[in-house]
């Protein structure tokens, strides 16, 4: 099973940018759909963005459309989340996840440890 390690979180002012990275172990990275999820204090885990195995299909939650971009580099076993125009409400722990489902929209059951993103107003 793939193991996931996130990096790139931190503290940023509103309007700023961050790029999260998630590196996967193993030689089968391109067999997994990949996604980013987040959990704010006192709230449940929320879908942010997902990308298909080939990178040809992506989907975003409405609140980040036009601001966040998910991408992947299968040669580097890495998925990225570029976050621009950050808002205080984007503050959360961000988790990378993997799915081997037939659809890239479901089946995320392998998780990283999370990376904290804090956006100050």
Protein backbone atom coordinates (compact mmCIF):
# COMPACT_ATOMS: atom_id res chain seq x y z
CA UNK A 1 0.00 0.00 0.00
CA UNK A 2 1.23 3.48 -0.79
CA UNK A 3 2.49 5.74 2.01
CA UNK A 4 1.97 9.49 1.78
CA UNK A 5 4.01 12.35 3.26
CA UNK A 6 2.80 15.95 2.98
CA UNK A 7 4.90 19.10 3.19
CA UNK A 8 4.65 22.80 2.45
CA UNK A 9 2.20 24.00 5.07
CA UNK A 10 2.80 27.10 7.15
CA UNK A 11 1.58 30.54 8.19
CA UNK A 12 0.66 33.04 5.49
CA UNK A 13 -1.22 36.33 5.35
CA UNK A 14 -4.57 36.58 3.63
CA UNK A 15 -4.07 36.99 -0.11
CA UNK A 16 -0.84 35.03 -0.06
CA UNK A 17 0.09 31.70 -1.63
CA UNK A 18 1.38 28.30 -0.56
CA UNK A 19 2.18 25.10 -2.46
CA UNK A 20 1.59 21.81 -0.72
CA UNK A 21 3.39 18.68 -1.84
CA UNK A 22 2.62 15.04 -1.15
CA UNK A 23 5.22 12.41 -1.96
CA UNK A 24 4.16 8.79 -2.25
CA UNK A 25 6.28 5.74 -1.63
CA UNK A 26 6.38 2.76 -3.96
CA UNK A 27 6.46 2.20 -7.70
CA UNK A 28 2.74 2.19 -8.36
CA UNK A 29 1.92 5.87 -7.85
CA UNK A 30 0.31 6.16 -11.27
CA UNK A 31 -2.22 3.49 -10.33
CA UNK A 32 -3.75 5.81 -7.71
CA UNK A 33 -6.13 8.71 -8.05
CA UNK A 34 -4.96 11.42 -5.64
CA UNK A 35 -6.72 14.06 -3.59
CA UNK A 36 -6.42 16.82 -1.04
CA UNK A 37 -8.79 17.15 1.89
CA UNK A 38 -8.83 19.52 4.86
CA UNK A 39 -10.11 19.63 8.40
CA UNK A 40 -10.65 22.90 10.25
CA UNK A 41 -10.87 23.02 14.06
CA UNK A 42 -14.19 21.63 15.27
CA UNK A 43 -15.26 20.52 11.78
CA UNK A 44 -15.27 17.34 9.78
CA UNK A 45 -12.85 16.45 7.02
CA UNK A 46 -13.78 18.21 3.77
CA UNK A 47 -12.99 17.43 0.15
CA UNK A 48 -10.79 20.10 -1.51
CA UNK A 49 -9.56 18.73 -4.84
CA UNK A 50 -8.92 15.43 -6.61
CA UNK A 51 -7.02 14.35 -9.71
CA UNK A 52 -7.20 11.21 -11.80
CA UNK A 53 -4.36 8.73 -12.31
CA UNK A 54 -3.19 10.33 -15.52
CA UNK A 55 -3.82 13.89 -14.37
CA UNK A 56 -6.32 14.40 -17.14
CA UNK A 57 -9.33 14.97 -14.88
CA UNK A 58 -9.66 17.18 -11.82
CA UNK A 59 -12.45 18.30 -9.52
CA UNK A 60 -12.62 21.03 -6.88
CA UNK A 61 -14.93 22.06 -4.09
CA UNK A 62 -16.72 25.29 -5.01
CA UNK A 63 -15.02 27.44 -2.37
CA UNK A 64 -11.54 26.94 -3.89
CA UNK A 65 -12.35 27.01 -7.61
CA UNK A 66 -10.22 29.62 -9.38
CA UNK A 67 -7.82 29.86 -6.43
CA UNK A 68 -6.41 26.34 -5.95
CA UNK A 69 -4.84 24.04 -8.54
CA UNK A 70 -4.13 20.34 -8.09
CA UNK A 71 -1.47 18.69 -10.24
CA UNK A 72 0.72 15.61 -10.21
CA UNK A 73 4.09 14.48 -11.46
CA UNK A 74 4.01 10.71 -11.85
CA UNK A 75 7.75 10.58 -12.52
CA UNK A 76 8.34 12.11 -9.08
CA UNK A 77 5.54 10.23 -7.27
CA UNK A 78 4.24 13.60 -6.12
CA UNK A 79 0.93 15.45 -6.08
CA UNK A 80 0.74 19.20 -5.52
CA UNK A 81 -1.82 21.72 -4.36
CA UNK A 82 -1.08 25.29 -5.42
CA UNK A 83 -3.10 27.64 -3.22
CA UNK A 84 -3.44 31.29 -4.24
CA UNK A 85 -5.49 34.18 -2.84
CA UNK A 86 -5.67 32.42 0.50
CA UNK A 87 -8.40 33.38 2.95
CA UNK A 88 -8.62 32.94 6.74
CA UNK A 89 -11.35 30.35 6.17
CA UNK A 90 -8.79 28.17 4.35
CA UNK A 91 -7.09 27.59 7.70
CA UNK A 92 -7.04 23.83 8.35
CA UNK A 93 -4.95 20.71 8.47
CA UNK A 94 -4.56 19.57 4.86
CA UNK A 95 -4.38 15.85 4.12
CA UNK A 96 -3.22 14.04 1.02
CA UNK A 97 -5.15 10.90 0.12
CA UNK A 98 -5.07 8.08 -2.42
CA UNK A 99 -7.78 6.04 -4.11
CA UNK A 100 -7.73 2.92 -6.27
CA UNK A 101 -11.43 3.15 -7.06
CA UNK A 102 -12.70 3.01 -10.62
CA UNK A 103 -13.66 6.70 -10.27
CA UNK A 104 -11.32 9.46 -9.19
CA UNK A 105 -14.17 11.02 -7.24
CA UNK A 106 -14.49 8.32 -4.59
CA UNK A 107 -12.68 5.70 -2.54
CA UNK A 108 -10.04 7.77 -0.73
CA UNK A 109 -8.90 5.45 2.04
CA UNK A 110 -5.14 5.95 2.33
CA UNK A 111 -4.08 9.12 4.15
CA UNK A 112 -1.01 11.13 4.97
CA UNK A 113 -0.32 12.62 8.39
CA UNK A 114 -1.46 16.13 7.42
CA UNK A 115 0.17 19.54 7.20
CA UNK A 116 -1.10 22.68 8.94
CA UNK A 117 -2.06 25.73 6.89
CA UNK A 118 -2.83 28.91 8.81
CA UNK A 119 -4.03 32.07 7.06
CA UNK A 120 -3.96 35.25 9.11
CA UNK A 121 -6.28 38.17 8.43
